[in-house]
Amino acid sequence: MAGLLLASCSDPMPVSAFAASGPALDPVRFFTGAVRSWGVLENRSGQPTEIVTTECRGEAEGPDGLHMVQRLQVGDGAPVTRDWHMRRTGPGRYQATANDLVGTASGKAEGRAFHWR
């Protein structure tokens, strides 16, 4: 999501806590081009369970959009290719869809942080 601080299912600290931090993160600009990331999935007790890696290639779609193809590898599982379409919907606000996700993801950027739901 540069680890996947960018993509998280939980919200232990509100993204607003980073409002005064910098440099400001623009996810559309950040994911344009090649991006690699890695992180760790944890169970409910906080114990690491899987290593996650991604390789992404993003291309601009107009002034506020992005098309990104993401190769996602979780542990020893088969790689998954996720085809994202992201767009800026307002200051610090983003929406995205992907081929293997149900519904629309909403994101918020403040300062150097970005959080998806």
PDB file of N, CA and C in Angstrom:
ATOM      1  N   MET A   1       1.567  -0.493   0.000  1.00  0.00           N
ATOM      2  CA  MET A   1       0.000   0.000   0.000  1.00  0.00           C
ATOM      3  C   MET A   1       1.094   0.344   0.000  1.00  0.00           C
ATOM      4  N   ALA A   2       7.814   1.446   1.742  1.00  0.00           N
ATOM      5  CA  ALA A   2       6.443   1.872   1.704  1.00  0.00           C
ATOM      6  C   ALA A   2       5.559   0.867   2.396  1.00  0.00           C
ATOM      7  N   GLY A   3       6.083  -0.260   2.853  1.00  0.00           N
ATOM      8  CA  GLY A   3       5.318  -1.283   3.565  1.00  0.00           C
ATOM      9  C   GLY A   3       3.834  -1.131   3.401  1.00  0.00           C
ATOM     10  N   LEU A   4       3.083  -1.952   3.968  1.00  0.00           N
ATOM     11  CA  LEU A   4       1.657  -1.789   3.805  1.00  0.00           C
ATOM     12  C   LEU A   4       1.059  -1.062   4.982  1.00  0.00           C
ATOM     13  N   LEU A   5       1.737  -0.016   5.451  1.00  0.00           N
ATOM     14  CA  LEU A   5       1.109   0.915   6.365  1.00  0.00           C
ATOM     15  C   LEU A   5      -0.016   1.574   5.570  1.00  0.00           C
ATOM     16  N   LEU A   6       0.076   1.493   4.240  1.00  0.00           N
ATOM     17  CA  LEU A   6      -0.912   2.104   3.371  1.00  0.00           C
ATOM     18  C   LEU A   6      -2.220   1.336   3.325  1.00  0.00           C
ATOM     19  N   ALA A   7      -2.218   0.079   3.582  1.00  0.00           N
ATOM     20  CA  ALA A   7      -3.431  -0.715   3.499  1.00  0.00           C
ATOM     21  C   ALA A   7      -3.588  -1.502   4.781  1.00  0.00           C
ATOM     22  N   SER A   8      -4.644  -1.238   5.489  1.00  0.00           N
ATOM     23  CA  SER A   8      -4.833  -1.869   6.780  1.00  0.00           C
ATOM     24  C   SER A   8      -6.301  -2.142   7.013  1.00  0.00           C
ATOM     25  N   CYS A   9      -6.606  -3.239   7.703  1.00  0.00           N
ATOM     26  CA  CYS A   9      -7.990  -3.558   8.021  1.00  0.00           C
ATOM     27  C   CYS A   9      -8.387  -2.991   9.371  1.00  0.00           C
ATOM     28  N   SER A  10      -7.424  -2.751  10.229  1.00  0.00           N
ATOM     29  CA  SER A  10      -7.731  -2.189  11.532  1.00  0.00           C
ATOM     30  C   SER A  10      -7.249  -0.747  11.565  1.00  0.00           C
ATOM     31  N   ASP A  11      -7.697   0.000  12.542  1.00  0.00           N
ATOM     32  CA  ASP A  11      -7.337   1.403  12.654  1.00  0.00           C
ATOM     33  C   ASP A  11      -6.851   1.684  14.067  1.00  0.00           C
ATOM     34  N   PRO A  12      -5.649   1.168  14.439  1.00  0.00           N
ATOM     35  CA  PRO A  12      -5.165   1.351  15.793  1.00  0.00           C
ATOM     36  C   PRO A  12      -4.888   2.815  16.121  1.00  0.00           C
ATOM     37  N   MET A  13      -4.504   3.611  15.131  1.00  0.00           N
ATOM     38  CA  MET A  13      -4.250   5.026  15.324  1.00  0.00           C
ATOM     39  C   MET A  13      -4.951   5.760  14.191  1.00  0.00           C
ATOM     40  N   PRO A  14      -5.752   6.772  14.501  1.00  0.00           N
ATOM     41  CA  PRO A  14      -6.450   7.473  13.412  1.00  0.00           C
ATOM     42  C   PRO A  14      -5.467   8.174  12.486  1.00  0.00           C
ATOM     43  N   VAL A  15      -5.790   8.160  11.201  1.00  0.00           N
ATOM     44  CA  VAL A  15      -4.930   8.798  10.205  1.00  0.00           C
ATOM     45  C   VAL A  15      -4.779  10.285  10.507  1.00  0.00           C
ATOM     46  N   SER A  16      -5.744  10.878  11.178  1.00  0.00           N
ATOM     47  CA  SER A  16      -5.667  12.304  11.525  1.00  0.00           C
ATOM     48  C   SER A  16      -4.488  12.600  12.451  1.00  0.00           C
ATOM     49  N   ALA A  17      -3.968  11.581  13.152  1.00  0.00           N
ATOM     50  CA  ALA A  17      -2.803  11.779  14.023  1.00  0.00           C
ATOM     51  C   ALA A  17      -1.565  12.186  13.223  1.00  0.00           C
ATOM     52  N   PHE A  18      -1.595  11.968  11.905  1.00  0.00           N
ATOM     53  CA  PHE A  18      -0.453  12.276  11.050  1.00  0.00           C
ATOM     54  C   PHE A  18      -0.650  13.553  10.241  1.00  0.00           C
ATOM     55  N   ALA A  19      -1.722  14.289  10.516  1.00  0.00           N
ATOM     56  CA  ALA A  19      -2.054  15.464   9.709  1.00  0.00           C
ATOM     57  C   ALA A  19      -0.917  16.472   9.620  1.00  0.00           C
ATOM     58  N   ALA A  20      -0.168  16.654  10.684  1.00  0.00           N
ATOM     59  CA  ALA A  20       0.910  17.645  10.684  1.00  0.00           C
ATOM     60  C   ALA A  20       2.250  17.066  10.224  1.00  0.00           C
ATOM     61  N   SER A  21       2.271  15.779   9.902  1.00  0.00           N
ATOM     62  CA  SER A  21       3.531  15.156   9.492  1.00  0.00           C
ATOM     63  C   SER A  21       3.748  15.341   7.994  1.00  0.00           C
ATOM     64  N   GLY A  22       4.959  15.197   7.575  1.00  0.00           N
ATOM     65  CA  GLY A  22       5.239  15.335   6.159  1.00  0.00           C
ATOM     66  C   GLY A  22       6.377  14.441   5.761  1.00  0.00           C
ATOM     67  N   PRO A  23       6.650  14.350   4.509  1.00  0.00           N
ATOM     68  CA  PRO A  23       5.947  15.032   3.423  1.00  0.00           C
ATOM     69  C   PRO A  23       4.563  14.434   3.192  1.00  0.00           C
ATOM     70  N   ALA A  24       3.669  15.225   2.633  1.00  0.00           N
ATOM     71  CA  ALA A  24       2.302  14.777   2.380  1.00  0.00           C
ATOM     72  C   ALA A  24       2.299  13.652   1.348  1.00  0.00           C
ATOM     73  N   LEU A  25       1.510  12.631   1.617  1.00  0.00           N
ATOM     74  CA  LEU A  25       1.410  11.480   0.721  1.00  0.00           C
ATOM     75  C   LEU A  25       0.211  11.645  -0.207  1.00  0.00           C
ATOM     76  N   ASP A  26       0.453  11.527  -1.499  1.00  0.00           N
ATOM     77  CA  ASP A  26      -0.594  11.508  -2.518  1.00  0.00           C
ATOM     78  C   ASP A  26      -0.585  10.097  -3.097  1.00  0.00           C
ATOM     79  N   PRO A  27      -1.549   9.224  -2.714  1.00  0.00           N
ATOM     80  CA  PRO A  27      -1.529   7.835  -3.168  1.00  0.00           C
ATOM     81  C   PRO A  27      -1.542   7.670  -4.683  1.00  0.00           C
ATOM     82  N   VAL A  28      -2.251   8.520  -5.413  1.00  0.00           N
ATOM     83  CA  VAL A  28      -2.279   8.401  -6.875  1.00  0.00           C
ATOM     84  C   VAL A  28      -0.873   8.620  -7.422  1.00  0.00           C
ATOM     85  N   ARG A  29      -0.208   9.633  -6.951  1.00  0.00           N
ATOM     86  CA  ARG A  29       1.149   9.918  -7.413  1.00  0.00           C
ATOM     87  C   ARG A  29       2.140   8.853  -6.923  1.00  0.00           C
ATOM     88  N   PHE A  30       1.991   8.429  -5.656  1.00  0.00           N
ATOM     89  CA  PHE A  30       2.897   7.442  -5.076  1.00  0.00           C
ATOM     90  C   PHE A  30       2.878   6.127  -5.847  1.00  0.00           C
ATOM     91  N   PHE A  31       1.688   5.662  -6.229  1.00  0.00           N
ATOM     92  CA  PHE A  31       1.566   4.363  -6.894  1.00  0.00           C
ATOM     93  C   PHE A  31       1.734   4.435  -8.408  1.00  0.00           C
ATOM     94  N   THR A  32       1.991   5.624  -8.963  1.00  0.00           N
ATOM     95  CA  THR A  32       2.284   5.728 -10.391  1.00  0.00           C
ATOM     96  C   THR A  32       3.728   5.283 -10.607  1.00  0.00           C
ATOM     97  N   GLY A  33       3.918   4.307 -11.494  1.00  0.00           N
ATOM     98  CA  GLY A  33       5.239   3.729 -11.715  1.00  0.00           C
ATOM     99  C   GLY A  33       5.349   2.402 -10.995  1.00  0.00           C
ATOM    100  N   ALA A  34       6.568   2.007 -10.669  1.00  0.00           N
ATOM    101  CA  ALA A  34       6.807   0.719 -10.011  1.00  0.00           C
ATOM    102  C   ALA A  34       6.936   0.901  -8.503  1.00  0.00           C
ATOM    103  N   VAL A  35       6.235   0.044  -7.755  1.00  0.00           N
ATOM    104  CA  VAL A  35       6.287   0.070  -6.291  1.00  0.00           C
ATOM    105  C   VAL A  35       6.362  -1.367  -5.798  1.00  0.00           C
ATOM    106  N   ARG A  36       7.259  -1.624  -4.859  1.00  0.00           N
ATOM    107  CA  ARG A  36       7.356  -2.936  -4.210  1.00  0.00           C
ATOM    108  C   ARG A  36       7.103  -2.721  -2.725  1.00  0.00           C
ATOM    109  N   SER A  37       6.436  -3.682  -2.093  1.00  0.00           N
ATOM    110  CA  SER A  37       6.195  -3.566  -0.662  1.00  0.00           C
ATOM    111  C   SER A  37       6.249  -4.936  -0.010  1.00  0.00           C
ATOM    112  N   TRP A  38       6.394  -4.941   1.284  1.00  0.00           N
ATOM    113  CA  TRP A  38       6.406  -6.179   2.039  1.00  0.00           C
ATOM    114  C   TRP A  38       5.924  -5.865   3.447  1.00  0.00           C
ATOM    115  N   GLY A  39       5.393  -6.871   4.099  1.00  0.00           N
ATOM    116  CA  GLY A  39       4.881  -6.703   5.448  1.00  0.00           C
ATOM    117  C   GLY A  39       4.609  -8.065   6.062  1.00  0.00           C
ATOM    118  N   VAL A  40       3.977  -8.040   7.219  1.00  0.00           N
ATOM    119  CA  VAL A  40       3.690  -9.251   7.970  1.00  0.00           C
ATOM    120  C   VAL A  40       2.225  -9.228   8.390  1.00  0.00           C
ATOM    121  N   LEU A  41       1.523 -10.352   8.169  1.00  0.00           N
ATOM    122  CA  LEU A  41       0.179 -10.510   8.709  1.00  0.00           C
ATOM    123  C   LEU A  41       0.315 -11.049  10.123  1.00  0.00           C
ATOM    124  N   GLU A  42      -0.553 -10.582  11.014  1.00  0.00           N
ATOM    125  CA  GLU A  42      -0.539 -11.042  12.395  1.00  0.00           C
ATOM    126  C   GLU A  42      -1.887 -11.642  12.753  1.00  0.00           C
ATOM    127  N   ASN A  43      -1.869 -12.593  13.703  1.00  0.00           N
ATOM    128  CA  ASN A  43      -3.137 -13.114  14.214  1.00  0.00           C
ATOM    129  C   ASN A  43      -3.681 -12.138  15.268  1.00  0.00           C
ATOM    130  N   ARG A  44      -4.805 -12.456  15.870  1.00  0.00           N
ATOM    131  CA  ARG A  44      -5.433 -11.549  16.840  1.00  0.00           C
ATOM    132  C   ARG A  44      -4.583 -11.302  18.066  1.00  0.00           C
ATOM    133  N   SER A  45      -3.640 -12.188  18.336  1.00  0.00           N
ATOM    134  CA  SER A  45      -2.740 -12.018  19.485  1.00  0.00           C
ATOM    135  C   SER A  45      -1.509 -11.189  19.131  1.00  0.00           C
ATOM    136  N   GLY A  46      -1.401 -10.788  17.880  1.00  0.00           N
ATOM    137  CA  GLY A  46      -0.254  -9.999  17.449  1.00  0.00           C
ATOM    138  C   GLY A  46       0.945 -10.826  17.029  1.00  0.00           C
ATOM    139  N   GLN A  47       0.762 -12.137  16.914  1.00  0.00           N
ATOM    140  CA  GLN A  47       1.852 -13.008  16.494  1.00  0.00           C
ATOM    141  C   GLN A  47       1.931 -13.045  14.969  1.00  0.00           C
ATOM    142  N   PRO A  48       3.135 -12.916  14.393  1.00  0.00           N
ATOM    143  CA  PRO A  48       3.268 -12.971  12.933  1.00  0.00           C
ATOM    144  C   PRO A  48       2.859 -14.341  12.397  1.00  0.00           C
ATOM    145  N   THR A  49       2.105 -14.331  11.281  1.00  0.00           N
ATOM    146  CA  THR A  49       1.642 -15.591  10.696  1.00  0.00           C
ATOM    147  C   THR A  49       2.075 -15.776   9.247  1.00  0.00           C
ATOM    148  N   GLU A  50       2.201 -14.711   8.489  1.00  0.00           N
ATOM    149  CA  GLU A  50       2.553 -14.809   7.065  1.00  0.00           C
ATOM    150  C   GLU A  50       3.338 -13.572   6.640  1.00  0.00           C
ATOM    151  N   ILE A  51       4.221 -13.753   5.687  1.00  0.00           N
ATOM    152  CA  ILE A  51       4.911 -12.637   5.047  1.00  0.00           C
ATOM    153  C   ILE A  51       4.137 -12.287   3.785  1.00  0.00           C
ATOM    154  N   VAL A  52       3.930 -11.005   3.561  1.00  0.00           N
ATOM    155  CA  VAL A  52       3.200 -10.518   2.392  1.00  0.00           C
ATOM    156  C   VAL A  52       4.152  -9.661   1.559  1.00  0.00           C
ATOM    157  N   THR A  53       4.186  -9.896   0.247  1.00  0.00           N
ATOM    158  CA  THR A  53       4.966  -9.050  -0.655  1.00  0.00           C
ATOM    159  C   THR A  53       4.079  -8.627  -1.818  1.00  0.00           C
ATOM    160  N   THR A  54       4.355  -7.456  -2.357  1.00  0.00           N
ATOM    161  CA  THR A  54       3.638  -6.991  -3.544  1.00  0.00           C
ATOM    162  C   THR A  54       4.621  -6.368  -4.524  1.00  0.00           C
ATOM    163  N   GLU A  55       4.267  -6.468  -5.789  1.00  0.00           N
ATOM    164  CA  GLU A  55       4.937  -5.739  -6.860  1.00  0.00           C
ATOM    165  C   GLU A  55       3.826  -5.065  -7.649  1.00  0.00           C
ATOM    166  N   CYS A  56       3.914  -3.748  -7.793  1.00  0.00           N
ATOM    167  CA  CYS A  56       2.843  -2.974  -8.429  1.00  0.00           C
ATOM    168  C   CYS A  56       3.389  -2.145  -9.580  1.00  0.00           C
ATOM    169  N   ARG A  57       2.533  -1.920 -10.564  1.00  0.00           N
ATOM    170  CA  ARG A  57       2.846  -1.034 -11.685  1.00  0.00           C
ATOM    171  C   ARG A  57       1.609  -0.180 -11.915  1.00  0.00           C
ATOM    172  N   GLY A  58       1.742   1.141 -11.708  1.00  0.00           N
ATOM    173  CA  GLY A  58       0.619   2.047 -11.857  1.00  0.00           C
ATOM    174  C   GLY A  58       0.789   3.018 -12.995  1.00  0.00           C
ATOM    175  N   GLU A  59      -0.329   3.348 -13.654  1.00  0.00           N
ATOM    176  CA  GLU A  59      -0.349   4.325 -14.735  1.00  0.00           C
ATOM    177  C   GLU A  59      -1.482   5.315 -14.479  1.00  0.00           C
ATOM    178  N   ALA A  60      -1.218   6.584 -14.745  1.00  0.00           N
ATOM    179  CA  ALA A  60      -2.214   7.630 -14.543  1.00  0.00           C
ATOM    180  C   ALA A  60      -3.422   7.406 -15.439  1.00  0.00           C
ATOM    181  N   GLU A  61      -4.588   7.694 -14.890  1.00  0.00           N
ATOM    182  CA  GLU A  61      -5.850   7.720 -15.644  1.00  0.00           C
ATOM    183  C   GLU A  61      -6.439   9.112 -15.441  1.00  0.00           C
ATOM    184  N   GLY A  62      -6.081  10.026 -16.309  1.00  0.00           N
ATOM    185  CA  GLY A  62      -6.526  11.400 -16.147  1.00  0.00           C
ATOM    186  C   GLY A  62      -5.792  12.057 -14.989  1.00  0.00           C
ATOM    187  N   PRO A  63      -6.221  13.272 -14.595  1.00  0.00           N
ATOM    188  CA  PRO A  63      -5.496  14.002 -13.552  1.00  0.00           C
ATOM    189  C   PRO A  63      -5.687  13.437 -12.135  1.00  0.00           C
ATOM    190  N   ASP A  64      -6.768  12.718 -11.892  1.00  0.00           N
ATOM    191  CA  ASP A  64      -7.070  12.260 -10.537  1.00  0.00           C
ATOM    192  C   ASP A  64      -7.257  10.761 -10.419  1.00  0.00           C
ATOM    193  N   GLY A  65      -6.822  10.009 -11.437  1.00  0.00           N
ATOM    194  CA  GLY A  65      -7.054   8.569 -11.407  1.00  0.00           C
ATOM    195  C   GLY A  65      -5.791   7.763 -11.606  1.00  0.00           C
ATOM    196  N   LEU A  66      -5.906   6.483 -11.276  1.00  0.00           N
ATOM    197  CA  LEU A  66      -4.783   5.572 -11.384  1.00  0.00           C
ATOM    198  C   LEU A  66      -5.295   4.188 -11.730  1.00  0.00           C
ATOM    199  N   HIS A  67      -4.614   3.526 -12.650  1.00  0.00           N
ATOM    200  CA  HIS A  67      -4.836   2.107 -12.911  1.00  0.00           C
ATOM    201  C   HIS A  67      -3.573   1.406 -12.449  1.00  0.00           C
ATOM    202  N   MET A  68      -3.717   0.451 -11.517  1.00  0.00           N
ATOM    203  CA  MET A  68      -2.555  -0.242 -10.977  1.00  0.00           C
ATOM    204  C   MET A  68      -2.781  -1.745 -11.015  1.00  0.00           C
ATOM    205  N   VAL A  69      -1.779  -2.461 -11.509  1.00  0.00           N
ATOM    206  CA  VAL A  69      -1.797  -3.917 -11.478  1.00  0.00           C
ATOM    207  C   VAL A  69      -0.840  -4.338 -10.358  1.00  0.00           C
ATOM    208  N   GLN A  70      -1.374  -5.109  -9.428  1.00  0.00           N
ATOM    209  CA  GLN A  70      -0.630  -5.517  -8.237  1.00  0.00           C
ATOM    210  C   GLN A  70      -0.497  -7.036  -8.203  1.00  0.00           C
ATOM    211  N   ARG A  71       0.734  -7.519  -8.052  1.00  0.00           N
ATOM    212  CA  ARG A  71       0.984  -8.938  -7.847  1.00  0.00           C
ATOM    213  C   ARG A  71       1.198  -9.116  -6.353  1.00  0.00           C
ATOM    214  N   LEU A  72       0.299  -9.862  -5.721  1.00  0.00           N
ATOM    215  CA  LEU A  72       0.275 -10.020  -4.269  1.00  0.00           C
ATOM    216  C   LEU A  72       0.627 -11.452  -3.910  1.00  0.00           C
ATOM    217  N   GLN A  73       1.617 -11.629  -3.035  1.00  0.00           N
ATOM    218  CA  GLN A  73       2.047 -12.953  -2.596  1.00  0.00           C
ATOM    219  C   GLN A  73       1.903 -13.013  -1.081  1.00  0.00           C
ATOM    220  N   VAL A  74       1.086 -13.952  -0.579  1.00  0.00           N
ATOM    221  CA  VAL A  74       0.918 -14.149   0.855  1.00  0.00           C
ATOM    222  C   VAL A  74       1.521 -15.495   1.221  1.00  0.00           C
ATOM    223  N   GLY A  75       2.614 -15.462   1.979  1.00  0.00           N
ATOM    224  CA  GLY A  75       3.288 -16.692   2.386  1.00  0.00           C
ATOM    225  C   GLY A  75       3.675 -17.542   1.199  1.00  0.00           C
ATOM    226  N   ASP A  76       3.431 -18.849   1.315  1.00  0.00           N
ATOM    227  CA  ASP A  76       3.752 -19.788   0.239  1.00  0.00           C
ATOM    228  C   ASP A  76       2.586 -19.979  -0.732  1.00  0.00           C
ATOM    229  N   GLY A  77       1.523 -19.210  -0.559  1.00  0.00           N
ATOM    230  CA  GLY A  77       0.359 -19.357  -1.423  1.00  0.00           C
ATOM    231  C   GLY A  77       0.627 -18.914  -2.849  1.00  0.00           C
ATOM    232  N   ALA A  78      -0.317 -19.224  -3.711  1.00  0.00           N
ATOM    233  CA  ALA A  78      -0.209 -18.825  -5.115  1.00  0.00           C
ATOM    234  C   ALA A  78      -0.326 -17.301  -5.221  1.00  0.00           C
ATOM    235  N   PRO A  79       0.464 -16.673  -6.083  1.00  0.00           N
ATOM    236  CA  PRO A  79       0.346 -15.229  -6.261  1.00  0.00           C
ATOM    237  C   PRO A  79      -1.019 -14.861  -6.834  1.00  0.00           C
ATOM    238  N   VAL A  80      -1.491 -13.701  -6.437  1.00  0.00           N
ATOM    239  CA  VAL A  80      -2.775 -13.175  -6.903  1.00  0.00           C
ATOM    240  C   VAL A  80      -2.491 -11.873  -7.645  1.00  0.00           C
ATOM    241  N   THR A  81      -3.139 -11.689  -8.780  1.00  0.00           N
ATOM    242  CA  THR A  81      -3.022 -10.423  -9.505  1.00  0.00           C
ATOM    243  C   THR A  81      -4.280  -9.617  -9.254  1.00  0.00           C
ATOM    244  N   ARG A  82      -4.089  -8.427  -8.715  1.00  0.00           N
ATOM    245  CA  ARG A  82      -5.211  -7.533  -8.411  1.00  0.00           C
ATOM    246  C   ARG A  82      -5.112  -6.333  -9.346  1.00  0.00           C
ATOM    247  N   ASP A  83      -6.205  -6.023 -10.011  1.00  0.00           N
ATOM    248  CA  ASP A  83      -6.288  -4.937 -10.985  1.00  0.00           C
ATOM    249  C   ASP A  83      -7.096  -3.797 -10.352  1.00  0.00           C
ATOM    250  N   TRP A  84      -6.402  -2.743  -9.923  1.00  0.00           N
ATOM    251  CA  TRP A  84      -7.016  -1.622  -9.204  1.00  0.00           C
ATOM    252  C   TRP A  84      -7.348  -0.454 -10.136  1.00  0.00           C
ATOM    253  N   HIS A  85      -8.422   0.254  -9.810  1.00  0.00           N
ATOM    254  CA  HIS A  85      -8.736   1.557 -10.401  1.00  0.00           C
ATOM    255  C   HIS A  85      -9.040   2.486  -9.239  1.00  0.00           C
ATOM    256  N   MET A  86      -8.162   3.488  -9.038  1.00  0.00           N
ATOM    257  CA  MET A  86      -8.296   4.427  -7.926  1.00  0.00           C
ATOM    258  C   MET A  86      -8.561   5.818  -8.475  1.00  0.00           C
ATOM    259  N   ARG A  87      -9.344   6.598  -7.707  1.00  0.00           N
ATOM    260  CA  ARG A  87      -9.538   7.993  -8.101  1.00  0.00           C
ATOM    261  C   ARG A  87      -9.652   8.876  -6.868  1.00  0.00           C
ATOM    262  N   ARG A  88      -9.158  10.085  -7.018  1.00  0.00           N
ATOM    263  CA  ARG A  88      -9.264  11.094  -5.962  1.00  0.00           C
ATOM    264  C   ARG A  88     -10.689  11.646  -6.010  1.00  0.00           C
ATOM    265  N   THR A  89     -11.377  11.661  -4.876  1.00  0.00           N
ATOM    266  CA  THR A  89     -12.761  12.145  -4.837  1.00  0.00           C
ATOM    267  C   THR A  89     -12.887  13.497  -4.145  1.00  0.00           C
ATOM    268  N   GLY A  90     -11.819  13.975  -3.557  1.00  0.00           N
ATOM    269  CA  GLY A  90     -11.800  15.254  -2.855  1.00  0.00           C
ATOM    270  C   GLY A  90     -10.454  15.393  -2.165  1.00  0.00           C
ATOM    271  N   PRO A  91     -10.228  16.495  -1.473  1.00  0.00           N
ATOM    272  CA  PRO A  91      -8.944  16.677  -0.789  1.00  0.00           C
ATOM    273  C   PRO A  91      -8.687  15.547   0.219  1.00  0.00           C
ATOM    274  N   GLY A  92      -7.641  14.778  -0.031  1.00  0.00           N
ATOM    275  CA  GLY A  92      -7.278  13.691   0.870  1.00  0.00           C
ATOM    276  C   GLY A  92      -8.218  12.503   0.855  1.00  0.00           C
ATOM    277  N   ARG A  93      -9.148  12.442  -0.079  1.00  0.00           N
ATOM    278  CA  ARG A  93     -10.140  11.355  -0.143  1.00  0.00           C
ATOM    279  C   ARG A  93      -9.993  10.578  -1.440  1.00  0.00           C
ATOM    280  N   TYR A  94     -10.108   9.229  -1.342  1.00  0.00           N
ATOM    281  CA  TYR A  94      -9.900   8.359  -2.485  1.00  0.00           C
ATOM    282  C   TYR A  94     -10.899   7.214  -2.460  1.00  0.00           C
ATOM    283  N   GLN A  95     -11.231   6.703  -3.649  1.00  0.00           N
ATOM    284  CA  GLN A  95     -12.033   5.496  -3.782  1.00  0.00           C
ATOM    285  C   GLN A  95     -11.354   4.597  -4.797  1.00  0.00           C
ATOM    286  N   ALA A  96     -11.545   3.281  -4.619  1.00  0.00           N
ATOM    287  CA  ALA A  96     -10.935   2.338  -5.561  1.00  0.00           C
ATOM    288  C   ALA A  96     -11.765   1.073  -5.653  1.00  0.00           C
ATOM    289  N   THR A  97     -11.657   0.435  -6.794  1.00  0.00           N
ATOM    290  CA  THR A  97     -12.255  -0.880  -7.005  1.00  0.00           C
ATOM    291  C   THR A  97     -11.141  -1.795  -7.502  1.00  0.00           C
ATOM    292  N   ALA A  98     -11.346  -3.094  -7.318  1.00  0.00           N
ATOM    293  CA  ALA A  98     -10.381  -4.081  -7.805  1.00  0.00           C
ATOM    294  C   ALA A  98     -11.135  -5.309  -8.266  1.00  0.00           C
ATOM    295  N   ASN A  99     -10.533  -6.048  -9.190  1.00  0.00           N
ATOM    296  CA  ASN A  99     -11.190  -7.189  -9.820  1.00  0.00           C
ATOM    297  C   ASN A  99     -11.624  -8.278  -8.843  1.00  0.00           C
ATOM    298  N   ASP A 100     -10.940  -8.443  -7.710  1.00  0.00           N
ATOM    299  CA  ASP A 100     -11.293  -9.529  -6.797  1.00  0.00           C
ATOM    300  C   ASP A 100     -11.858  -9.043  -5.466  1.00  0.00           C
ATOM    301  N   LEU A 101     -12.260  -7.783  -5.400  1.00  0.00           N
ATOM    302  CA  LEU A 101     -12.862  -7.238  -4.181  1.00  0.00           C
ATOM    303  C   LEU A 101     -14.325  -6.915  -4.423  1.00  0.00           C
ATOM    304  N   VAL A 102     -15.136  -7.091  -3.394  1.00  0.00           N
ATOM    305  CA  VAL A 102     -16.551  -6.744  -3.475  1.00  0.00           C
ATOM    306  C   VAL A 102     -16.721  -5.323  -2.967  1.00  0.00           C
ATOM    307  N   GLY A 103     -17.379  -4.495  -3.738  1.00  0.00           N
ATOM    308  CA  GLY A 103     -17.642  -3.125  -3.311  1.00  0.00           C
ATOM    309  C   GLY A 103     -16.510  -2.181  -3.652  1.00  0.00           C
ATOM    310  N   THR A 104     -16.537  -1.021  -2.990  1.00  0.00           N
ATOM    311  CA  THR A 104     -15.584   0.049  -3.236  1.00  0.00           C
ATOM    312  C   THR A 104     -14.790   0.332  -1.974  1.00  0.00           C
ATOM    313  N   ALA A 105     -13.475   0.416  -2.113  1.00  0.00           N
ATOM    314  CA  ALA A 105     -12.614   0.788  -0.994  1.00  0.00           C
ATOM    315  C   ALA A 105     -12.591   2.306  -0.888  1.00  0.00           C
ATOM    316  N   SER A 106     -12.616   2.804   0.335  1.00  0.00           N
ATOM    317  CA  SER A 106     -12.510   4.243   0.583  1.00  0.00           C
ATOM    318  C   SER A 106     -11.225   4.495   1.340  1.00  0.00           C
ATOM    319  N   GLY A 107     -10.523   5.564   0.961  1.00  0.00           N
ATOM    320  CA  GLY A 107      -9.264   5.881   1.617  1.00  0.00           C
ATOM    321  C   GLY A 107      -9.192   7.330   2.010  1.00  0.00           C
ATOM    322  N   LYS A 108      -8.367   7.574   3.028  1.00  0.00           N
ATOM    323  CA  LYS A 108      -8.159   8.930   3.520  1.00  0.00           C
ATOM    324  C   LYS A 108      -6.665   9.131   3.729  1.00  0.00           C
ATOM    325  N   ALA A 109      -6.137  10.248   3.200  1.00  0.00           N
ATOM    326  CA  ALA A 109      -4.729  10.591   3.373  1.00  0.00           C
ATOM    327  C   ALA A 109      -4.641  11.869   4.194  1.00  0.00           C
ATOM    328  N   GLU A 110      -3.775  11.855   5.199  1.00  0.00           N
ATOM    329  CA  GLU A 110      -3.469  13.061   5.971  1.00  0.00           C
ATOM    330  C   GLU A 110      -1.986  13.031   6.286  1.00  0.00           C
ATOM    331  N   GLY A 111      -1.305  14.115   5.953  1.00  0.00           N
ATOM    332  CA  GLY A 111       0.139  14.141   6.162  1.00  0.00           C
ATOM    333  C   GLY A 111       0.796  13.011   5.395  1.00  0.00           C
ATOM    334  N   ARG A 112       1.626  12.229   6.070  1.00  0.00           N
ATOM    335  CA  ARG A 112       2.358  11.141   5.410  1.00  0.00           C
ATOM    336  C   ARG A 112       1.663   9.804   5.516  1.00  0.00           C
ATOM    337  N   ALA A 113       0.435   9.766   6.010  1.00  0.00           N
ATOM    338  CA  ALA A 113      -0.277   8.493   6.224  1.00  0.00           C
ATOM    339  C   ALA A 113      -1.464   8.345   5.278  1.00  0.00           C
ATOM    340  N   PHE A 114      -1.800   7.079   5.006  1.00  0.00           N
ATOM    341  CA  PHE A 114      -2.940   6.741   4.155  1.00  0.00           C
ATOM    342  C   PHE A 114      -3.597   5.495   4.738  1.00  0.00           C
ATOM    343  N   HIS A 115      -4.919   5.495   4.819  1.00  0.00           N
ATOM    344  CA  HIS A 115      -5.648   4.365   5.391  1.00  0.00           C
ATOM    345  C   HIS A 115      -6.825   3.983   4.495  1.00  0.00           C
ATOM    346  N   TRP A 116      -6.938   2.680   4.192  1.00  0.00           N
ATOM    347  CA  TRP A 116      -8.032   2.128   3.379  1.00  0.00           C
ATOM    348  C   TRP A 116      -9.070   1.466   4.259  1.00  0.00           C
ATOM    349  N   ARG A 117     -10.289   1.462   3.794  1.00  0.00           N
ATOM    350  CA  ARG A 117     -11.395   0.651   4.370  1.00  0.00           C
ATOM    351  C   ARG A 117     -12.178   0.088   3.218  1.00  0.00           C
TER     352      ARG A 117
END
